[in-house]
Amino acid sequence: MPKKVIVGVVAFHDTSGNIEPRSIHWTDQKVYEIDRVLDSRRAASLKVGGIGTRYTVRIRGRETYLFHEEEKWFVEGRE
């Protein structure tokens, strides 16, 4: 069963209040640079629960979801 994985994120905040994530920092100290943000919208994680802003991001050529829920960032992790 997938689980919610809380991650650190470095993000750019502009003067209009928009947030653009730039990199994801895992608990094991690995850092993944986000190549591109493809989409952002308010949405729920249907796999692990939680609701917030869902970013569709491309990292190393692969698309994945990154969620910003209140003051925390998370991804849908594997078992």
C-alpha atoms as a PDB file:
ATOM      1  CA  MET A   1       0.000   0.000   0.000  1.00  0.00           C
ATOM      2  CA  PRO A   2       1.406   3.448  -0.870  1.00  0.00           C
ATOM      3  CA  LYS A   3       2.266   5.808   1.964  1.00  0.00           C
ATOM      4  CA  LYS A   4       2.571   9.552   2.409  1.00  0.00           C
ATOM      5  CA  VAL A   5       6.257  10.531   2.428  1.00  0.00           C
ATOM      6  CA  ILE A   6       6.973  13.954   3.926  1.00  0.00           C
ATOM      7  CA  VAL A   7       9.840  15.638   2.042  1.00  0.00           C
ATOM      8  CA  GLY A   8      11.743  18.897   2.165  1.00  0.00           C
ATOM      9  CA  VAL A   9      11.305  21.240  -0.782  1.00  0.00           C
ATOM     10  CA  VAL A  10      13.200  24.288  -1.964  1.00  0.00           C
ATOM     11  CA  ALA A  11      10.719  26.578  -3.711  1.00  0.00           C
ATOM     12  CA  PHE A  12      10.588  30.026  -5.312  1.00  0.00           C
ATOM     13  CA  HIS A  13       7.890  32.366  -3.961  1.00  0.00           C
ATOM     14  CA  ASP A  14       7.036  35.347  -6.175  1.00  0.00           C
ATOM     15  CA  THR A  15       5.498  38.664  -5.156  1.00  0.00           C
ATOM     16  CA  SER A  16       2.017  37.486  -6.244  1.00  0.00           C
ATOM     17  CA  GLY A  17       2.100  34.582  -3.795  1.00  0.00           C
ATOM     18  CA  ASN A  18       2.755  31.879  -6.369  1.00  0.00           C
ATOM     19  CA  ILE A  19       5.003  28.990  -5.328  1.00  0.00           C
ATOM     20  CA  GLU A  20       7.237  27.056  -7.731  1.00  0.00           C
ATOM     21  CA  PRO A  21       9.050  24.033  -6.283  1.00  0.00           C
ATOM     22  CA  ARG A  22      12.673  23.712  -7.461  1.00  0.00           C
ATOM     23  CA  SER A  23      14.029  20.609  -5.710  1.00  0.00           C
ATOM     24  CA  ILE A  24      12.924  17.751  -3.450  1.00  0.00           C
ATOM     25  CA  HIS A  25      15.030  16.706  -0.439  1.00  0.00           C
ATOM     26  CA  TRP A  26      14.484  13.149   0.835  1.00  0.00           C
ATOM     27  CA  THR A  27      15.080  12.062   4.415  1.00  0.00           C
ATOM     28  CA  ASP A  28      18.161  10.070   3.309  1.00  0.00           C
ATOM     29  CA  GLN A  29      19.778  13.364   2.164  1.00  0.00           C
ATOM     30  CA  LYS A  30      19.265  12.723  -1.571  1.00  0.00           C
ATOM     31  CA  VAL A  31      18.294  15.825  -3.537  1.00  0.00           C
ATOM     32  CA  TYR A  32      16.304  15.689  -6.770  1.00  0.00           C
ATOM     33  CA  GLU A  33      16.235  18.793  -8.938  1.00  0.00           C
ATOM     34  CA  ILE A  34      12.859  19.467 -10.556  1.00  0.00           C
ATOM     35  CA  ASP A  35      13.395  19.836 -14.290  1.00  0.00           C
ATOM     36  CA  ARG A  36      10.015  21.415 -14.911  1.00  0.00           C
ATOM     37  CA  VAL A  37       6.668  22.100 -13.240  1.00  0.00           C
ATOM     38  CA  LEU A  38       4.045  20.924 -15.737  1.00  0.00           C
ATOM     39  CA  ASP A  39       0.873  21.778 -13.808  1.00  0.00           C
ATOM     40  CA  SER A  40      -0.423  22.927 -10.428  1.00  0.00           C
ATOM     41  CA  ARG A  41      -3.969  22.706  -9.122  1.00  0.00           C
ATOM     42  CA  ARG A  42      -5.942  22.080  -5.952  1.00  0.00           C
ATOM     43  CA  ALA A  43      -6.413  18.328  -5.705  1.00  0.00           C
ATOM     44  CA  ALA A  44      -6.504  15.345  -3.366  1.00  0.00           C
ATOM     45  CA  SER A  45      -4.116  12.438  -3.258  1.00  0.00           C
ATOM     46  CA  LEU A  46      -6.322   9.470  -4.034  1.00  0.00           C
ATOM     47  CA  LYS A  47      -3.571   6.994  -3.106  1.00  0.00           C
ATOM     48  CA  VAL A  48      -2.503   8.204   0.345  1.00  0.00           C
ATOM     49  CA  GLY A  49      -5.044  10.825   1.393  1.00  0.00           C
ATOM     50  CA  GLY A  50      -4.551  14.512   1.950  1.00  0.00           C
ATOM     51  CA  ILE A  51      -5.542  17.564  -0.059  1.00  0.00           C
ATOM     52  CA  GLY A  52      -3.714  20.677  -1.120  1.00  0.00           C
ATOM     53  CA  THR A  53      -1.912  21.983  -4.163  1.00  0.00           C
ATOM     54  CA  ARG A  54      -0.839  19.127  -6.425  1.00  0.00           C
ATOM     55  CA  TYR A  55       2.154  19.880  -8.623  1.00  0.00           C
ATOM     56  CA  THR A  56       2.855  17.672 -11.603  1.00  0.00           C
ATOM     57  CA  VAL A  57       6.630  17.807 -11.918  1.00  0.00           C
ATOM     58  CA  ARG A  58       9.255  16.269 -14.185  1.00  0.00           C
ATOM     59  CA  ILE A  59      12.378  14.889 -12.517  1.00  0.00           C
ATOM     60  CA  ARG A  60      15.019  13.135 -14.630  1.00  0.00           C
ATOM     61  CA  GLY A  61      12.509  12.718 -17.454  1.00  0.00           C
ATOM     62  CA  ARG A  62       9.780  11.150 -15.291  1.00  0.00           C
ATOM     63  CA  GLU A  63       6.528  12.782 -14.226  1.00  0.00           C
ATOM     64  CA  THR A  64       5.341  12.557 -10.639  1.00  0.00           C
ATOM     65  CA  TYR A  65       3.044  14.379  -8.242  1.00  0.00           C
ATOM     66  CA  LEU A  66       4.288  16.608  -5.431  1.00  0.00           C
ATOM     67  CA  PHE A  67       1.721  17.850  -2.908  1.00  0.00           C
ATOM     68  CA  HIS A  68       1.783  20.980  -0.753  1.00  0.00           C
ATOM     69  CA  GLU A  69      -0.633  20.446   2.131  1.00  0.00           C
ATOM     70  CA  GLU A  70      -0.856  23.350   4.580  1.00  0.00           C
ATOM     71  CA  GLU A  71       2.787  23.776   5.682  1.00  0.00           C
ATOM     72  CA  LYS A  72       4.113  20.360   4.572  1.00  0.00           C
ATOM     73  CA  TRP A  73       5.183  18.823   1.281  1.00  0.00           C
ATOM     74  CA  PHE A  74       4.661  15.147   0.471  1.00  0.00           C
ATOM     75  CA  VAL A  75       4.871  12.598  -2.318  1.00  0.00           C
ATOM     76  CA  GLU A  76       3.023   9.321  -2.792  1.00  0.00           C
ATOM     77  CA  GLY A  77       5.625   6.774  -1.734  1.00  0.00           C
ATOM     78  CA  ARG A  78       5.872   3.090  -2.341  1.00  0.00           C
ATOM     79  CA  GLU A  79       5.451   0.424   0.292  1.00  0.00           C
END
